Amino acid sequence: MTDTQLYLAIGLPVLLNGTMLMIAFTALNTRISDLRDTMNARLASMETRIEILTGKVAELTDRVTRLEERWERRP
């Protein structure tokens, strides 16, 4: 076996493994990025819904307050 054959026998699998590892990391990074974007969209949607519910609770509180004031003014 010559030196060149030895270097290829050892170096080529190392290079291929390194390349495969980089491809796997890139794919994983893409999946994590997509998941982060999805979670951000869901959280934004939930924040909007919470704001709507908070507004409705405030409206109900105002209505109840007005009804209480009317009730107190009754003779």
PDB file of N, CA and C in Angstrom:
ATOM      1  N   MET A   1       0.860  -1.162   0.000  1.00  0.00           N
ATOM      2  CA  MET A   1       0.000   0.000   0.000  1.00  0.00           C
ATOM      3  C   MET A   1       0.912   1.232   0.000  1.00  0.00           C
ATOM      4  N   THR A   2       0.626   2.143  -0.867  1.00  0.00           N
ATOM      5  CA  THR A   2       1.432   3.356  -0.950  1.00  0.00           C
ATOM      6  C   THR A   2       0.888   4.380   0.029  1.00  0.00           C
ATOM      7  N   ASP A   3       1.672   5.444   0.216  1.00  0.00           N
ATOM      8  CA  ASP A   3       1.231   6.523   1.122  1.00  0.00           C
ATOM      9  C   ASP A   3      -0.058   7.171   0.622  1.00  0.00           C
ATOM     10  N   THR A   4      -0.161   7.346  -0.673  1.00  0.00           N
ATOM     11  CA  THR A   4      -1.365   7.970  -1.248  1.00  0.00           C
ATOM     12  C   THR A   4      -2.594   7.116  -0.966  1.00  0.00           C
ATOM     13  N   GLN A   5      -2.465   5.823  -1.137  1.00  0.00           N
ATOM     14  CA  GLN A   5      -3.585   4.933  -0.869  1.00  0.00           C
ATOM     15  C   GLN A   5      -3.983   4.979   0.612  1.00  0.00           C
ATOM     16  N   LEU A   6      -3.003   5.053   1.494  1.00  0.00           N
ATOM     17  CA  LEU A   6      -3.271   5.134   2.926  1.00  0.00           C
ATOM     18  C   LEU A   6      -4.004   6.434   3.260  1.00  0.00           C
ATOM     19  N   TYR A   7      -3.511   7.547   2.699  1.00  0.00           N
ATOM     20  CA  TYR A   7      -4.163   8.837   2.957  1.00  0.00           C
ATOM     21  C   TYR A   7      -5.601   8.839   2.443  1.00  0.00           C
ATOM     22  N   LEU A   8      -5.824   8.250   1.277  1.00  0.00           N
ATOM     23  CA  LEU A   8      -7.186   8.170   0.746  1.00  0.00           C
ATOM     24  C   LEU A   8      -8.056   7.251   1.594  1.00  0.00           C
ATOM     25  N   ALA A   9      -7.486   6.135   2.059  1.00  0.00           N
ATOM     26  CA  ALA A   9      -8.252   5.186   2.858  1.00  0.00           C
ATOM     27  C   ALA A   9      -8.675   5.803   4.190  1.00  0.00           C
ATOM     28  N   ILE A  10      -7.842   6.672   4.742  1.00  0.00           N
ATOM     29  CA  ILE A  10      -8.165   7.297   6.027  1.00  0.00           C
ATOM     30  C   ILE A  10      -8.892   8.628   5.831  1.00  0.00           C
ATOM     31  N   GLY A  11      -8.391   9.424   4.912  1.00  0.00           N
ATOM     32  CA  GLY A  11      -8.910  10.782   4.741  1.00  0.00           C
ATOM     33  C   GLY A  11     -10.264  10.865   4.084  1.00  0.00           C
ATOM     34  N   LEU A  12     -10.512  10.030   3.111  1.00  0.00           N
ATOM     35  CA  LEU A  12     -11.779  10.094   2.389  1.00  0.00           C
ATOM     36  C   LEU A  12     -12.980   9.810   3.294  1.00  0.00           C
ATOM     37  N   PRO A  13     -12.970   8.774   4.111  1.00  0.00           N
ATOM     38  CA  PRO A  13     -14.109   8.566   5.028  1.00  0.00           C
ATOM     39  C   PRO A  13     -14.268   9.721   6.024  1.00  0.00           C
ATOM     40  N   VAL A  14     -13.170  10.291   6.485  1.00  0.00           N
ATOM     41  CA  VAL A  14     -13.249  11.419   7.421  1.00  0.00           C
ATOM     42  C   VAL A  14     -13.908  12.608   6.733  1.00  0.00           C
ATOM     43  N   LEU A  15     -13.521  12.890   5.503  1.00  0.00           N
ATOM     44  CA  LEU A  15     -14.127  14.000   4.757  1.00  0.00           C
ATOM     45  C   LEU A  15     -15.610  13.749   4.493  1.00  0.00           C
ATOM     46  N   LEU A  16     -15.941  12.504   4.124  1.00  0.00           N
ATOM     47  CA  LEU A  16     -17.349  12.186   3.880  1.00  0.00           C
ATOM     48  C   LEU A  16     -18.179  12.305   5.156  1.00  0.00           C
ATOM     49  N   ASN A  17     -17.645  11.830   6.268  1.00  0.00           N
ATOM     50  CA  ASN A  17     -18.368  11.948   7.538  1.00  0.00           C
ATOM     51  C   ASN A  17     -18.560  13.410   7.923  1.00  0.00           C
ATOM     52  N   GLY A  18     -17.521  14.207   7.712  1.00  0.00           N
ATOM     53  CA  GLY A  18     -17.632  15.636   8.012  1.00  0.00           C
ATOM     54  C   GLY A  18     -18.680  16.307   7.151  1.00  0.00           C
ATOM     55  N   THR A  19     -18.722  15.947   5.880  1.00  0.00           N
ATOM     56  CA  THR A  19     -19.720  16.510   4.965  1.00  0.00           C
ATOM     57  C   THR A  19     -21.127  16.089   5.377  1.00  0.00           C
ATOM     58  N   MET A  20     -21.298  14.830   5.699  1.00  0.00           N
ATOM     59  CA  MET A  20     -22.612  14.349   6.125  1.00  0.00           C
ATOM     60  C   MET A  20     -23.056  15.036   7.416  1.00  0.00           C
ATOM     61  N   LEU A  21     -22.130  15.247   8.314  1.00  0.00           N
ATOM     62  CA  LEU A  21     -22.450  15.926   9.563  1.00  0.00           C
ATOM     63  C   LEU A  21     -22.889  17.369   9.310  1.00  0.00           C
ATOM     64  N   MET A  22     -22.203  18.042   8.402  1.00  0.00           N
ATOM     65  CA  MET A  22     -22.586  19.423   8.079  1.00  0.00           C
ATOM     66  C   MET A  22     -23.971  19.465   7.428  1.00  0.00           C
ATOM     67  N   ILE A  23     -24.261  18.499   6.578  1.00  0.00           N
ATOM     68  CA  ILE A  23     -25.585  18.435   5.952  1.00  0.00           C
ATOM     69  C   ILE A  23     -26.660  18.198   7.018  1.00  0.00           C
ATOM     70  N   ALA A  24     -26.385  17.316   7.959  1.00  0.00           N
ATOM     71  CA  ALA A  24     -27.347  17.032   9.026  1.00  0.00           C
ATOM     72  C   ALA A  24     -27.565  18.265   9.895  1.00  0.00           C
ATOM     73  N   PHE A  25     -26.492  18.979  10.238  1.00  0.00           N
ATOM     74  CA  PHE A  25     -26.631  20.195  11.035  1.00  0.00           C
ATOM     75  C   PHE A  25     -27.422  21.263  10.299  1.00  0.00           C
ATOM     76  N   THR A  26     -27.195  21.382   9.001  1.00  0.00           N
ATOM     77  CA  THR A  26     -27.938  22.361   8.210  1.00  0.00           C
ATOM     78  C   THR A  26     -29.424  22.022   8.187  1.00  0.00           C
ATOM     79  N   ALA A  27     -29.743  20.746   7.990  1.00  0.00           N
ATOM     80  CA  ALA A  27     -31.145  20.323   7.980  1.00  0.00           C
ATOM     81  C   ALA A  27     -31.789  20.562   9.344  1.00  0.00           C
ATOM     82  N   LEU A  28     -31.068  20.243  10.413  1.00  0.00           N
ATOM     83  CA  LEU A  28     -31.590  20.456  11.758  1.00  0.00           C
ATOM     84  C   LEU A  28     -31.807  21.940  12.031  1.00  0.00           C
ATOM     85  N   ASN A  29     -30.879  22.765  11.607  1.00  0.00           N
ATOM     86  CA  ASN A  29     -31.010  24.205  11.791  1.00  0.00           C
ATOM     87  C   ASN A  29     -32.235  24.741  11.047  1.00  0.00           C
ATOM     88  N   THR A  30     -32.468  24.232   9.847  1.00  0.00           N
ATOM     89  CA  THR A  30     -33.637  24.650   9.076  1.00  0.00           C
ATOM     90  C   THR A  30     -34.922  24.244   9.782  1.00  0.00           C
ATOM     91  N   ARG A  31     -34.959  23.031  10.293  1.00  0.00           N
ATOM     92  CA  ARG A  31     -36.165  22.573  10.995  1.00  0.00           C
ATOM     93  C   ARG A  31     -36.417  23.391  12.255  1.00  0.00           C
ATOM     94  N   ILE A  32     -35.370  23.700  12.988  1.00  0.00           N
ATOM     95  CA  ILE A  32     -35.527  24.508  14.204  1.00  0.00           C
ATOM     96  C   ILE A  32     -35.997  25.913  13.849  1.00  0.00           C
ATOM     97  N   SER A  33     -35.455  26.460  12.782  1.00  0.00           N
ATOM     98  CA  SER A  33     -35.870  27.795  12.345  1.00  0.00           C
ATOM     99  C   SER A  33     -37.348  27.800  11.943  1.00  0.00           C
ATOM    100  N   ASP A  34     -37.775  26.775  11.208  1.00  0.00           N
ATOM    101  CA  ASP A  34     -39.192  26.672  10.830  1.00  0.00           C
ATOM    102  C   ASP A  34     -40.084  26.527  12.057  1.00  0.00           C
ATOM    103  N   LEU A  35     -39.647  25.729  13.008  1.00  0.00           N
ATOM    104  CA  LEU A  35     -40.413  25.550  14.239  1.00  0.00           C
ATOM    105  C   LEU A  35     -40.525  26.860  15.012  1.00  0.00           C
ATOM    106  N   ARG A  36     -39.427  27.616  15.073  1.00  0.00           N
ATOM    107  CA  ARG A  36     -39.439  28.903  15.754  1.00  0.00           C
ATOM    108  C   ARG A  36     -40.419  29.863  15.078  1.00  0.00           C
ATOM    109  N   ASP A  37     -40.427  29.891  13.748  1.00  0.00           N
ATOM    110  CA  ASP A  37     -41.356  30.758  13.024  1.00  0.00           C
ATOM    111  C   ASP A  37     -42.804  30.353  13.285  1.00  0.00           C
ATOM    112  N   THR A  38     -43.055  29.050  13.302  1.00  0.00           N
ATOM    113  CA  THR A  38     -44.410  28.556  13.572  1.00  0.00           C
ATOM    114  C   THR A  38     -44.856  28.936  14.987  1.00  0.00           C
ATOM    115  N   MET A  39     -43.955  28.749  15.951  1.00  0.00           N
ATOM    116  CA  MET A  39     -44.293  29.090  17.337  1.00  0.00           C
ATOM    117  C   MET A  39     -44.528  30.591  17.491  1.00  0.00           C
ATOM    118  N   ASN A  40     -43.738  31.416  16.833  1.00  0.00           N
ATOM    119  CA  ASN A  40     -43.939  32.863  16.899  1.00  0.00           C
ATOM    120  C   ASN A  40     -45.304  33.247  16.331  1.00  0.00           C
ATOM    121  N   ALA A  41     -45.687  32.618  15.234  1.00  0.00           N
ATOM    122  CA  ALA A  41     -46.998  32.906  14.639  1.00  0.00           C
ATOM    123  C   ALA A  41     -48.121  32.481  15.581  1.00  0.00           C
ATOM    124  N   ARG A  42     -47.977  31.324  16.195  1.00  0.00           N
ATOM    125  CA  ARG A  42     -49.012  30.860  17.130  1.00  0.00           C
ATOM    126  C   ARG A  42     -49.110  31.760  18.356  1.00  0.00           C
ATOM    127  N   LEU A  43     -47.967  32.180  18.871  1.00  0.00           N
ATOM    128  CA  LEU A  43     -47.986  33.067  20.031  1.00  0.00           C
ATOM    129  C   LEU A  43     -48.603  34.414  19.687  1.00  0.00           C
ATOM    130  N   ALA A  44     -48.313  34.929  18.495  1.00  0.00           N
ATOM    131  CA  ALA A  44     -48.918  36.191  18.075  1.00  0.00           C
ATOM    132  C   ALA A  44     -50.430  36.045  17.968  1.00  0.00           C
ATOM    133  N   SER A  45     -50.882  34.908  17.449  1.00  0.00           N
ATOM    134  CA  SER A  45     -52.314  34.649  17.347  1.00  0.00           C
ATOM    135  C   SER A  45     -52.953  34.580  18.731  1.00  0.00           C
ATOM    136  N   MET A  46     -52.280  33.921  19.657  1.00  0.00           N
ATOM    137  CA  MET A  46     -52.812  33.821  21.021  1.00  0.00           C
ATOM    138  C   MET A  46     -52.840  35.188  21.696  1.00  0.00           C
ATOM    139  N   GLU A  47     -51.821  36.012  21.469  1.00  0.00           N
ATOM    140  CA  GLU A  47     -51.818  37.351  22.052  1.00  0.00           C
ATOM    141  C   GLU A  47     -52.994  38.162  21.535  1.00  0.00           C
ATOM    142  N   THR A  48     -53.281  38.036  20.241  1.00  0.00           N
ATOM    143  CA  THR A  48     -54.425  38.746  19.669  1.00  0.00           C
ATOM    144  C   THR A  48     -55.722  38.279  20.310  1.00  0.00           C
ATOM    145  N   ARG A  49     -55.867  36.981  20.469  1.00  0.00           N
ATOM    146  CA  ARG A  49     -57.086  36.446  21.085  1.00  0.00           C
ATOM    147  C   ARG A  49     -57.220  36.897  22.534  1.00  0.00           C
ATOM    148  N   ILE A  50     -56.123  36.936  23.256  1.00  0.00           N
ATOM    149  CA  ILE A  50     -56.164  37.387  24.651  1.00  0.00           C
ATOM    150  C   ILE A  50     -56.559  38.855  24.723  1.00  0.00           C
ATOM    151  N   GLU A  51     -56.040  39.659  23.789  1.00  0.00           N
ATOM    152  CA  GLU A  51     -56.418  41.074  23.774  1.00  0.00           C
ATOM    153  C   GLU A  51     -57.903  41.239  23.494  1.00  0.00           C
ATOM    154  N   ILE A  52     -58.437  40.431  22.574  1.00  0.00           N
ATOM    155  CA  ILE A  52     -59.875  40.491  22.278  1.00  0.00           C
ATOM    156  C   ILE A  52     -60.683  40.100  23.520  1.00  0.00           C
ATOM    157  N   LEU A  53     -60.284  39.022  24.179  1.00  0.00           N
ATOM    158  CA  LEU A  53     -60.994  38.590  25.386  1.00  0.00           C
ATOM    159  C   LEU A  53     -60.907  39.636  26.492  1.00  0.00           C
ATOM    160  N   THR A  54     -59.746  40.259  26.639  1.00  0.00           N
ATOM    161  CA  THR A  54     -59.584  41.303  27.645  1.00  0.00           C
ATOM    162  C   THR A  54     -60.527  42.470  27.358  1.00  0.00           C
ATOM    163  N   GLY A  55     -60.647  42.829  26.083  1.00  0.00           N
ATOM    164  CA  GLY A  55     -61.573  43.898  25.704  1.00  0.00           C
ATOM    165  C   GLY A  55     -63.007  43.537  26.033  1.00  0.00           C
ATOM    166  N   LYS A  56     -63.386  42.299  25.767  1.00  0.00           N
ATOM    167  CA  LYS A  56     -64.757  41.876  26.061  1.00  0.00           C
ATOM    168  C   LYS A  56     -65.027  41.858  27.560  1.00  0.00           C
ATOM    169  N   VAL A  57     -64.053  41.435  28.349  1.00  0.00           N
ATOM    170  CA  VAL A  57     -64.216  41.456  29.801  1.00  0.00           C
ATOM    171  C   VAL A  57     -64.359  42.895  30.286  1.00  0.00           C
ATOM    172  N   ALA A  58     -63.589  43.812  29.715  1.00  0.00           N
ATOM    173  CA  ALA A  58     -63.697  45.219  30.099  1.00  0.00           C
ATOM    174  C   ALA A  58     -65.077  45.762  29.748  1.00  0.00           C
ATOM    175  N   GLU A  59     -65.610  45.382  28.584  1.00  0.00           N
ATOM    176  CA  GLU A  59     -66.961  45.812  28.205  1.00  0.00           C
ATOM    177  C   GLU A  59     -67.994  45.276  29.192  1.00  0.00           C
ATOM    178  N   LEU A  60     -67.883  44.022  29.563  1.00  0.00           N
ATOM    179  CA  LEU A  60     -68.821  43.441  30.528  1.00  0.00           C
ATOM    180  C   LEU A  60     -68.711  44.134  31.880  1.00  0.00           C
ATOM    181  N   THR A  61     -67.516  44.444  32.292  1.00  0.00           N
ATOM    182  CA  THR A  61     -67.324  45.145  33.564  1.00  0.00           C
ATOM    183  C   THR A  61     -68.005  46.507  33.523  1.00  0.00           C
ATOM    184  N   ASP A  62     -67.855  47.215  32.407  1.00  0.00           N
ATOM    185  CA  ASP A  62     -68.520  48.516  32.268  1.00  0.00           C
ATOM    186  C   ASP A  62     -70.038  48.373  32.321  1.00  0.00           C
ATOM    187  N   ARG A  63     -70.555  47.361  31.653  1.00  0.00           N
ATOM    188  CA  ARG A  63     -72.010  47.157  31.668  1.00  0.00           C
ATOM    189  C   ARG A  63     -72.518  46.860  33.072  1.00  0.00           C
ATOM    190  N   VAL A  64     -71.797  46.003  33.774  1.00  0.00           N
ATOM    191  CA  VAL A  64     -72.210  45.659  35.140  1.00  0.00           C
ATOM    192  C   VAL A  64     -72.138  46.892  36.029  1.00  0.00           C
ATOM    193  N   THR A  65     -71.106  47.694  35.862  1.00  0.00           N
ATOM    194  CA  THR A  65     -70.976  48.920  36.653  1.00  0.00           C
ATOM    195  C   THR A  65     -72.157  49.853  36.397  1.00  0.00           C
ATOM    196  N   ARG A  66     -72.533  49.999  35.123  1.00  0.00           N
ATOM    197  CA  ARG A  66     -73.685  50.855  34.809  1.00  0.00           C
ATOM    198  C   ARG A  66     -74.973  50.298  35.404  1.00  0.00           C
ATOM    199  N   LEU A  67     -75.131  48.986  35.340  1.00  0.00           N
ATOM    200  CA  LEU A  67     -76.324  48.381  35.938  1.00  0.00           C
ATOM    201  C   LEU A  67     -76.348  48.583  37.452  1.00  0.00           C
ATOM    202  N   GLU A  68     -75.193  48.462  38.091  1.00  0.00           N
ATOM    203  CA  GLU A  68     -75.131  48.682  39.537  1.00  0.00           C
ATOM    204  C   GLU A  68     -75.490  50.133  39.869  1.00  0.00           C
ATOM    205  N   GLU A  69     -74.997  51.068  39.065  1.00  0.00           N
ATOM    206  CA  GLU A  69     -75.323  52.482  39.312  1.00  0.00           C
ATOM    207  C   GLU A  69     -76.808  52.730  39.145  1.00  0.00           C
ATOM    208  N   ARG A  70     -77.398  52.137  38.115  1.00  0.00           N
ATOM    209  CA  ARG A  70     -78.850  52.282  37.930  1.00  0.00           C
ATOM    210  C   ARG A  70     -79.604  51.694  39.119  1.00  0.00           C
ATOM    211  N   TRP A  71     -79.158  50.544  39.574  1.00  0.00           N
ATOM    212  CA  TRP A  71     -79.828  49.869  40.675  1.00  0.00           C
ATOM    213  C   TRP A  71     -79.755  50.703  41.956  1.00  0.00           C
ATOM    214  N   GLU A  72     -78.612  51.310  42.176  1.00  0.00           N
ATOM    215  CA  GLU A  72     -78.437  52.145  43.376  1.00  0.00           C
ATOM    216  C   GLU A  72     -79.277  53.403  43.311  1.00  0.00           C
ATOM    217  N   ARG A  73     -79.555  53.940  42.127  1.00  0.00           N
ATOM    218  CA  ARG A  73     -80.347  55.166  41.979  1.00  0.00           C
ATOM    219  C   ARG A  73     -81.849  54.908  42.094  1.00  0.00           C
ATOM    220  N   ARG A  74     -82.247  53.676  42.034  1.00  0.00           N
ATOM    221  CA  ARG A  74     -83.678  53.358  42.124  1.00  0.00           C
ATOM    222  C   ARG A  74     -84.198  53.715  43.506  1.00  0.00           C
ATOM    223  N   PRO A  75     -85.416  54.236  43.535  1.00  0.00           N
ATOM    224  CA  PRO A  75     -86.020  54.578  44.852  1.00  0.00           C
ATOM    225  C   PRO A  75     -86.458  53.365  45.634  1.00  0.00           C
TER     226      PRO A  75
END
